[in-house]
């Protein structure tokens, strides 16, 4: 029997973050293609997966803080942890812009078949692309934190 849930929580946290990153890369790739009705629907579904995976990553992370082997004090006093959490929130806030665009595109495509223009697709693609290097900072901060930086 598992006496500490930390290994399970760590795996769930990492898998959820990998799913977020996978959805982010899928959106980036789709935004290179020509828009069509199925394309709009797929983007919206992938973005929903992105949101669900991000929520799962946040929940698993909170569970690790509360019930993990290091305990809440390790995280509460670590500025690297707060930087990591702030970066995650920043990425989430940036992701709202594409999400709102996808939802509008889907609504318009369903209503009258209107599809976004190239300039609009390119604009949202830039917002998605900005998230990729920011996301790369999350594992870097996690590694630093695991090695005691900030304590």
N, C-alpha and C. Protein backbone atom coordinates (compact mmCIF):
# COMPACT_ATOMS: atom_id res chain seq x y z
N UNK A 1 0.85 -1.18 0.00
CA UNK A 1 0.00 0.00 0.00
C UNK A 1 0.89 1.24 0.00
N UNK A 2 0.44 2.26 -0.72
CA UNK A 2 1.16 3.51 -0.84
C UNK A 2 0.90 4.37 0.40
N UNK A 3 1.95 4.68 1.17
CA UNK A 3 1.77 5.47 2.38
C UNK A 3 1.78 6.96 2.11
N UNK A 4 2.39 7.37 1.01
CA UNK A 4 2.41 8.77 0.64
C UNK A 4 1.93 8.90 -0.80
N UNK A 5 0.96 9.77 -1.05
CA UNK A 5 0.41 9.87 -2.41
C UNK A 5 1.29 10.67 -3.37
N UNK A 6 2.44 11.17 -2.90
CA UNK A 6 3.26 12.06 -3.73
C UNK A 6 3.65 11.47 -5.09
N UNK A 7 4.08 10.21 -5.17
CA UNK A 7 4.44 9.69 -6.50
C UNK A 7 3.27 9.70 -7.49
N UNK A 8 2.09 9.33 -7.01
CA UNK A 8 0.91 9.33 -7.87
C UNK A 8 0.55 10.75 -8.28
N UNK A 9 0.59 11.67 -7.31
CA UNK A 9 0.28 13.07 -7.61
C UNK A 9 1.30 13.67 -8.58
N UNK A 10 2.57 13.29 -8.42
CA UNK A 10 3.61 13.79 -9.32
C UNK A 10 3.36 13.31 -10.75
N UNK A 11 3.01 12.04 -10.89
CA UNK A 11 2.74 11.51 -12.23
C UNK A 11 1.53 12.20 -12.84
N UNK A 12 0.47 12.36 -12.06
CA UNK A 12 -0.73 13.04 -12.57
C UNK A 12 -0.41 14.48 -12.98
N UNK A 13 0.38 15.16 -12.16
CA UNK A 13 0.78 16.55 -12.45
C UNK A 13 1.56 16.62 -13.75
N UNK A 14 2.54 15.74 -13.89
CA UNK A 14 3.37 15.76 -15.10
C UNK A 14 2.58 15.36 -16.34
N UNK A 15 1.73 14.36 -16.23
CA UNK A 15 0.92 13.95 -17.39
C UNK A 15 -0.03 15.07 -17.82
N UNK A 16 -0.61 15.76 -16.85
CA UNK A 16 -1.51 16.86 -17.18
C UNK A 16 -0.74 17.98 -17.88
N UNK A 17 0.46 18.29 -17.40
CA UNK A 17 1.26 19.33 -18.04
C UNK A 17 1.69 18.92 -19.45
N UNK A 18 2.00 17.64 -19.63
CA UNK A 18 2.31 17.16 -20.98
C UNK A 18 1.10 17.28 -21.90
N UNK A 19 -0.08 17.02 -21.37
CA UNK A 19 -1.30 17.16 -22.16
C UNK A 19 -1.54 18.62 -22.54
N UNK A 20 -1.29 19.54 -21.61
CA UNK A 20 -1.41 20.98 -21.91
C UNK A 20 -0.47 21.33 -23.06
N UNK A 21 0.77 20.91 -22.94
CA UNK A 21 1.76 21.24 -23.97
C UNK A 21 1.40 20.60 -25.31
N UNK A 22 0.91 19.38 -25.28
CA UNK A 22 0.48 18.72 -26.51
C UNK A 22 -0.66 19.47 -27.19
N UNK A 23 -1.63 19.91 -26.41
CA UNK A 23 -2.74 20.70 -26.98
C UNK A 23 -2.23 22.03 -27.53
N UNK A 24 -1.31 22.64 -26.83
CA UNK A 24 -0.73 23.91 -27.29
C UNK A 24 -0.04 23.73 -28.64
N UNK A 25 0.75 22.67 -28.77
CA UNK A 25 1.43 22.40 -30.03
C UNK A 25 0.45 22.02 -31.14
N UNK A 26 -0.62 21.30 -30.78
CA UNK A 26 -1.64 20.95 -31.78
C UNK A 26 -2.33 22.22 -32.30
N UNK A 27 -2.64 23.15 -31.40
CA UNK A 27 -3.24 24.41 -31.83
C UNK A 27 -2.30 25.16 -32.77
N UNK A 28 -1.04 25.21 -32.39
CA UNK A 28 -0.05 25.91 -33.20
C UNK A 28 0.02 25.31 -34.60
N UNK A 29 0.02 23.99 -34.69
CA UNK A 29 0.08 23.32 -35.98
C UNK A 29 -1.19 23.57 -36.79
N UNK A 30 -2.36 23.48 -36.16
CA UNK A 30 -3.62 23.69 -36.87
C UNK A 30 -3.74 25.11 -37.40
N UNK A 31 -3.17 26.05 -36.67
CA UNK A 31 -3.26 27.45 -37.10
C UNK A 31 -2.40 27.75 -38.32
N UNK A 32 -1.65 26.77 -38.79
CA UNK A 32 -0.89 26.89 -40.05
C UNK A 32 -1.73 26.45 -41.25
N UNK A 33 -2.82 25.75 -40.99
CA UNK A 33 -3.66 25.21 -42.06
C UNK A 33 -4.73 26.21 -42.49
N UNK A 34 -5.33 25.95 -43.62
CA UNK A 34 -6.42 26.79 -44.12
C UNK A 34 -7.69 26.52 -43.32
N UNK A 35 -8.38 27.59 -42.94
CA UNK A 35 -9.61 27.42 -42.16
C UNK A 35 -10.71 26.71 -42.96
N UNK A 36 -11.47 25.93 -42.23
CA UNK A 36 -12.65 25.26 -42.76
C UNK A 36 -13.57 24.96 -41.59
N UNK A 37 -14.80 24.56 -41.83
CA UNK A 37 -15.72 24.28 -40.73
C UNK A 37 -15.19 23.22 -39.76
N UNK A 38 -14.65 22.13 -40.29
CA UNK A 38 -14.12 21.07 -39.41
C UNK A 38 -12.89 21.58 -38.65
N UNK A 39 -12.11 22.42 -39.28
CA UNK A 39 -10.91 23.01 -38.67
C UNK A 39 -11.30 23.84 -37.45
N UNK A 40 -12.35 24.66 -37.60
CA UNK A 40 -12.83 25.51 -36.50
C UNK A 40 -13.30 24.63 -35.33
N UNK A 41 -14.06 23.60 -35.64
CA UNK A 41 -14.55 22.70 -34.59
C UNK A 41 -13.40 22.00 -33.87
N UNK A 42 -12.43 21.54 -34.64
CA UNK A 42 -11.29 20.84 -34.05
C UNK A 42 -10.47 21.76 -33.16
N UNK A 43 -10.24 22.99 -33.61
CA UNK A 43 -9.51 23.95 -32.78
C UNK A 43 -10.23 24.17 -31.44
N UNK A 44 -11.54 24.34 -31.51
CA UNK A 44 -12.31 24.57 -30.28
C UNK A 44 -12.24 23.36 -29.35
N UNK A 45 -12.30 22.15 -29.91
CA UNK A 45 -12.22 20.93 -29.07
C UNK A 45 -10.83 20.78 -28.45
N UNK A 46 -9.80 21.04 -29.23
CA UNK A 46 -8.44 20.94 -28.69
C UNK A 46 -8.24 21.98 -27.60
N UNK A 47 -8.78 23.18 -27.81
CA UNK A 47 -8.65 24.22 -26.80
C UNK A 47 -9.40 23.86 -25.52
N UNK A 48 -10.52 23.18 -25.66
CA UNK A 48 -11.23 22.69 -24.48
C UNK A 48 -10.35 21.68 -23.74
N UNK A 49 -9.70 20.79 -24.49
CA UNK A 49 -8.76 19.85 -23.87
C UNK A 49 -7.62 20.57 -23.16
N UNK A 50 -7.14 21.63 -23.78
CA UNK A 50 -6.10 22.46 -23.17
C UNK A 50 -6.56 22.97 -21.81
N UNK A 51 -7.77 23.50 -21.77
CA UNK A 51 -8.30 24.03 -20.52
C UNK A 51 -8.51 22.97 -19.45
N UNK A 52 -9.02 21.83 -19.86
CA UNK A 52 -9.24 20.73 -18.92
C UNK A 52 -7.90 20.22 -18.38
N UNK A 53 -6.93 20.06 -19.27
CA UNK A 53 -5.60 19.59 -18.84
C UNK A 53 -4.93 20.61 -17.92
N UNK A 54 -5.10 21.90 -18.22
CA UNK A 54 -4.52 22.94 -17.35
C UNK A 54 -5.16 22.90 -15.97
N UNK A 55 -6.48 22.72 -15.92
CA UNK A 55 -7.16 22.61 -14.63
C UNK A 55 -6.69 21.37 -13.87
N UNK A 56 -6.51 20.26 -14.59
CA UNK A 56 -6.01 19.04 -13.95
C UNK A 56 -4.60 19.23 -13.41
N UNK A 57 -3.75 19.92 -14.18
CA UNK A 57 -2.38 20.18 -13.73
C UNK A 57 -2.39 21.05 -12.47
N UNK A 58 -3.25 22.06 -12.46
CA UNK A 58 -3.34 22.94 -11.29
C UNK A 58 -3.85 22.17 -10.07
N UNK A 59 -4.88 21.34 -10.27
CA UNK A 59 -5.42 20.55 -9.15
C UNK A 59 -4.38 19.56 -8.61
N UNK A 60 -3.69 18.88 -9.52
CA UNK A 60 -2.65 17.94 -9.08
C UNK A 60 -1.52 18.67 -8.38
N UNK A 61 -1.17 19.85 -8.87
CA UNK A 61 -0.13 20.65 -8.22
C UNK A 61 -0.53 21.09 -6.83
N UNK A 62 -1.77 21.53 -6.69
CA UNK A 62 -2.27 21.92 -5.37
C UNK A 62 -2.27 20.71 -4.43
N UNK A 63 -2.68 19.56 -4.94
CA UNK A 63 -2.67 18.34 -4.13
C UNK A 63 -1.26 17.99 -3.69
N UNK A 64 -0.28 18.19 -4.58
CA UNK A 64 1.12 17.91 -4.20
C UNK A 64 1.57 18.85 -3.09
N UNK A 65 1.17 20.11 -3.19
CA UNK A 65 1.53 21.07 -2.14
C UNK A 65 0.92 20.64 -0.81
N UNK A 66 -0.35 20.27 -0.84
CA UNK A 66 -1.06 19.95 0.41
C UNK A 66 -0.69 18.59 0.99
N UNK A 67 -0.56 17.57 0.12
CA UNK A 67 -0.40 16.20 0.62
C UNK A 67 0.89 15.53 0.16
N UNK A 68 1.72 16.25 -0.56
CA UNK A 68 2.96 15.68 -1.05
C UNK A 68 4.00 15.53 0.03
N UNK A 69 5.06 14.86 -0.32
CA UNK A 69 6.11 14.51 0.63
C UNK A 69 6.86 15.73 1.19
N UNK A 70 6.94 16.80 0.40
CA UNK A 70 7.70 17.98 0.84
C UNK A 70 6.89 18.85 1.79
N UNK A 71 5.60 18.80 1.72
CA UNK A 71 4.74 19.56 2.61
C UNK A 71 4.57 21.01 2.18
N UNK A 72 3.51 21.64 2.68
CA UNK A 72 3.19 23.01 2.28
C UNK A 72 4.29 24.04 2.61
N UNK A 73 5.01 23.84 3.69
CA UNK A 73 6.03 24.82 4.09
C UNK A 73 7.14 24.92 3.04
N UNK A 74 7.48 23.81 2.40
CA UNK A 74 8.51 23.82 1.36
C UNK A 74 8.13 24.78 0.25
N UNK A 75 6.86 24.75 -0.14
CA UNK A 75 6.41 25.57 -1.26
C UNK A 75 6.12 27.01 -0.84
N UNK A 76 5.49 27.18 0.32
CA UNK A 76 5.06 28.51 0.75
C UNK A 76 6.22 29.48 0.86
N UNK A 77 7.38 29.00 1.27
CA UNK A 77 8.54 29.87 1.48
C UNK A 77 9.50 29.90 0.30
N UNK A 78 9.12 29.29 -0.80
CA UNK A 78 10.04 29.19 -1.93
C UNK A 78 9.64 30.17 -3.04
N UNK A 79 10.46 31.20 -3.28
CA UNK A 79 10.12 32.16 -4.34
C UNK A 79 10.10 31.53 -5.74
N UNK A 80 10.84 30.46 -5.95
CA UNK A 80 10.84 29.79 -7.25
C UNK A 80 9.46 29.15 -7.49
N UNK A 81 8.86 28.61 -6.45
CA UNK A 81 7.52 28.06 -6.57
C UNK A 81 6.53 29.14 -6.99
N UNK A 82 6.61 30.29 -6.35
CA UNK A 82 5.68 31.38 -6.67
C UNK A 82 5.93 31.92 -8.08
N UNK A 83 7.18 31.92 -8.50
CA UNK A 83 7.49 32.33 -9.87
C UNK A 83 6.89 31.33 -10.86
N UNK A 84 7.01 30.04 -10.55
CA UNK A 84 6.44 28.99 -11.40
C UNK A 84 4.93 29.13 -11.48
N UNK A 85 4.29 29.34 -10.34
CA UNK A 85 2.84 29.50 -10.32
C UNK A 85 2.43 30.76 -11.08
N UNK A 86 3.17 31.84 -10.91
CA UNK A 86 2.89 33.07 -11.63
C UNK A 86 3.03 32.90 -13.13
N UNK A 87 4.05 32.15 -13.56
CA UNK A 87 4.24 31.88 -14.98
C UNK A 87 3.08 31.06 -15.53
N UNK A 88 2.63 30.08 -14.77
CA UNK A 88 1.49 29.26 -15.17
C UNK A 88 0.24 30.13 -15.34
N UNK A 89 0.01 31.03 -14.41
CA UNK A 89 -1.13 31.94 -14.49
C UNK A 89 -1.00 32.87 -15.70
N UNK A 90 0.21 33.39 -15.94
CA UNK A 90 0.44 34.25 -17.10
C UNK A 90 0.10 33.52 -18.40
N UNK A 91 0.57 32.29 -18.52
CA UNK A 91 0.27 31.48 -19.71
C UNK A 91 -1.25 31.30 -19.84
N UNK A 92 -1.89 31.03 -18.72
CA UNK A 92 -3.35 30.86 -18.74
C UNK A 92 -4.06 32.13 -19.18
N UNK A 93 -3.60 33.27 -18.71
CA UNK A 93 -4.22 34.53 -19.12
C UNK A 93 -4.01 34.80 -20.61
N UNK A 94 -2.83 34.52 -21.10
CA UNK A 94 -2.56 34.69 -22.53
C UNK A 94 -3.45 33.77 -23.35
N UNK A 95 -3.69 32.57 -22.85
CA UNK A 95 -4.49 31.59 -23.60
C UNK A 95 -5.95 31.99 -23.73
N UNK A 96 -6.41 32.94 -22.93
CA UNK A 96 -7.79 33.39 -23.02
C UNK A 96 -8.06 34.05 -24.38
N UNK A 97 -7.08 34.76 -24.91
CA UNK A 97 -7.25 35.47 -26.18
C UNK A 97 -7.56 34.49 -27.32
N UNK A 98 -6.73 33.46 -27.53
CA UNK A 98 -7.09 32.48 -28.57
C UNK A 98 -8.41 31.76 -28.28
N UNK A 99 -8.66 31.43 -27.02
CA UNK A 99 -9.90 30.73 -26.67
C UNK A 99 -11.12 31.52 -27.09
N UNK A 100 -11.12 32.80 -26.77
CA UNK A 100 -12.26 33.64 -27.16
C UNK A 100 -12.39 33.72 -28.68
N UNK A 101 -11.26 33.77 -29.37
CA UNK A 101 -11.29 33.78 -30.83
C UNK A 101 -11.86 32.50 -31.40
N UNK A 102 -11.43 31.35 -30.88
CA UNK A 102 -11.93 30.06 -31.37
C UNK A 102 -13.44 29.94 -31.16
N UNK A 103 -13.89 30.38 -29.99
CA UNK A 103 -15.32 30.30 -29.70
C UNK A 103 -16.12 31.19 -30.64
N UNK A 104 -15.61 32.37 -30.93
CA UNK A 104 -16.28 33.26 -31.88
C UNK A 104 -16.28 32.66 -33.28
N UNK A 105 -15.13 32.12 -33.69
CA UNK A 105 -15.05 31.49 -35.00
C UNK A 105 -16.06 30.35 -35.13
N UNK A 106 -16.14 29.54 -34.09
CA UNK A 106 -17.06 28.40 -34.13
C UNK A 106 -18.51 28.88 -34.19
N UNK A 107 -18.83 29.89 -33.39
CA UNK A 107 -20.19 30.45 -33.39
C UNK A 107 -20.55 30.99 -34.78
N UNK A 108 -19.61 31.74 -35.39
CA UNK A 108 -19.86 32.31 -36.71
C UNK A 108 -19.95 31.23 -37.78
N UNK A 109 -19.08 30.23 -37.70
CA UNK A 109 -19.10 29.14 -38.69
C UNK A 109 -20.40 28.36 -38.60
N UNK A 110 -20.88 28.13 -37.39
CA UNK A 110 -22.14 27.40 -37.22
C UNK A 110 -23.33 28.24 -37.66
N UNK A 111 -23.27 29.55 -37.42
CA UNK A 111 -24.41 30.42 -37.73
C UNK A 111 -24.59 30.64 -39.23
N UNK A 112 -23.50 31.01 -39.90
CA UNK A 112 -23.65 31.37 -41.31
C UNK A 112 -22.49 30.91 -42.20
N UNK A 113 -21.63 30.06 -41.66
CA UNK A 113 -20.52 29.53 -42.46
C UNK A 113 -19.33 30.46 -42.60
N UNK A 114 -19.34 31.59 -41.88
CA UNK A 114 -18.23 32.53 -41.93
C UNK A 114 -16.99 31.92 -41.30
N UNK A 115 -15.87 32.05 -41.99
CA UNK A 115 -14.59 31.55 -41.48
C UNK A 115 -13.64 32.72 -41.28
N UNK A 116 -12.68 32.57 -40.37
CA UNK A 116 -11.76 33.67 -40.11
C UNK A 116 -10.83 33.93 -41.30
N UNK A 117 -10.41 35.18 -41.43
CA UNK A 117 -9.46 35.54 -42.48
C UNK A 117 -8.04 35.21 -42.07
N UNK A 118 -7.14 35.28 -43.04
CA UNK A 118 -5.73 34.93 -42.80
C UNK A 118 -5.10 35.80 -41.72
N UNK A 119 -5.41 37.10 -41.75
CA UNK A 119 -4.81 38.01 -40.77
C UNK A 119 -5.25 37.67 -39.35
N UNK A 120 -6.53 37.33 -39.21
CA UNK A 120 -7.05 36.98 -37.89
C UNK A 120 -6.44 35.67 -37.38
N UNK A 121 -6.30 34.70 -38.26
CA UNK A 121 -5.67 33.43 -37.89
C UNK A 121 -4.22 33.67 -37.48
N UNK A 122 -3.52 34.50 -38.25
CA UNK A 122 -2.11 34.80 -37.94
C UNK A 122 -1.98 35.50 -36.59
N UNK A 123 -2.94 36.39 -36.30
CA UNK A 123 -2.90 37.11 -35.02
C UNK A 123 -3.04 36.14 -33.85
N UNK A 124 -3.99 35.22 -33.94
CA UNK A 124 -4.15 34.26 -32.84
C UNK A 124 -3.00 33.27 -32.78
N UNK A 125 -2.45 32.93 -33.94
CA UNK A 125 -1.29 32.03 -33.96
C UNK A 125 -0.12 32.65 -33.19
N UNK A 126 0.06 33.94 -33.32
CA UNK A 126 1.13 34.61 -32.56
C UNK A 126 0.89 34.49 -31.05
N UNK A 127 -0.37 34.64 -30.61
CA UNK A 127 -0.67 34.50 -29.18
C UNK A 127 -0.40 33.08 -28.69
N UNK A 128 -0.70 32.11 -29.53
CA UNK A 128 -0.42 30.71 -29.16
C UNK A 128 1.09 30.49 -29.13
N UNK A 129 1.79 31.02 -30.13
CA UNK A 129 3.25 30.84 -30.22
C UNK A 129 3.97 31.46 -29.04
N UNK A 130 3.46 32.55 -28.50
CA UNK A 130 4.07 33.21 -27.34
C UNK A 130 4.08 32.28 -26.13
N UNK A 131 3.07 31.43 -26.04
CA UNK A 131 2.95 30.54 -24.89
C UNK A 131 4.02 29.45 -24.86
N UNK A 132 4.50 29.04 -26.03
CA UNK A 132 5.44 27.91 -26.10
C UNK A 132 6.73 28.17 -25.33
N UNK A 133 7.46 29.27 -25.59
CA UNK A 133 8.68 29.48 -24.80
C UNK A 133 8.40 29.76 -23.32
N UNK A 134 7.25 30.38 -23.04
CA UNK A 134 6.90 30.59 -21.64
C UNK A 134 6.67 29.26 -20.95
N UNK A 135 5.98 28.35 -21.64
CA UNK A 135 5.71 27.03 -21.08
C UNK A 135 7.00 26.29 -20.79
N UNK A 136 8.01 26.50 -21.63
CA UNK A 136 9.30 25.83 -21.41
C UNK A 136 9.94 26.26 -20.09
N UNK A 137 9.56 27.42 -19.59
CA UNK A 137 10.08 27.88 -18.30
C UNK A 137 9.55 27.08 -17.12
N UNK A 138 8.40 26.44 -17.28
CA UNK A 138 7.81 25.69 -16.16
C UNK A 138 8.69 24.52 -15.71
N UNK A 139 9.13 23.63 -16.61
CA UNK A 139 10.01 22.56 -16.13
C UNK A 139 11.35 23.07 -15.63
N UNK A 140 11.84 24.15 -16.21
CA UNK A 140 13.10 24.73 -15.71
C UNK A 140 12.93 25.16 -14.25
N UNK A 141 11.86 25.86 -13.96
CA UNK A 141 11.61 26.29 -12.58
C UNK A 141 11.36 25.10 -11.67
N UNK A 142 10.70 24.07 -12.17
CA UNK A 142 10.46 22.87 -11.36
C UNK A 142 11.77 22.19 -11.00
N UNK A 143 12.66 22.10 -11.96
CA UNK A 143 13.97 21.48 -11.70
C UNK A 143 14.75 22.29 -10.68
N UNK A 144 14.75 23.60 -10.83
CA UNK A 144 15.46 24.45 -9.86
C UNK A 144 14.87 24.27 -8.47
N UNK A 145 13.55 24.24 -8.38
CA UNK A 145 12.89 24.07 -7.10
C UNK A 145 13.23 22.72 -6.48
N UNK A 146 13.22 21.67 -7.29
CA UNK A 146 13.52 20.32 -6.79
C UNK A 146 14.96 20.22 -6.29
N UNK A 147 15.83 21.07 -6.80
CA UNK A 147 17.23 21.06 -6.39
C UNK A 147 17.52 22.03 -5.25
N UNK A 148 16.45 22.58 -4.67
CA UNK A 148 16.60 23.40 -3.48
C UNK A 148 16.84 24.87 -3.74
N UNK A 149 16.79 25.30 -5.00
CA UNK A 149 16.94 26.73 -5.28
C UNK A 149 15.72 27.45 -4.71
N UNK A 150 15.96 28.52 -4.00
CA UNK A 150 14.87 29.26 -3.38
C UNK A 150 14.76 28.99 -1.88
N UNK A 151 15.50 27.98 -1.42
CA UNK A 151 15.49 27.69 0.03
C UNK A 151 16.83 28.02 0.62
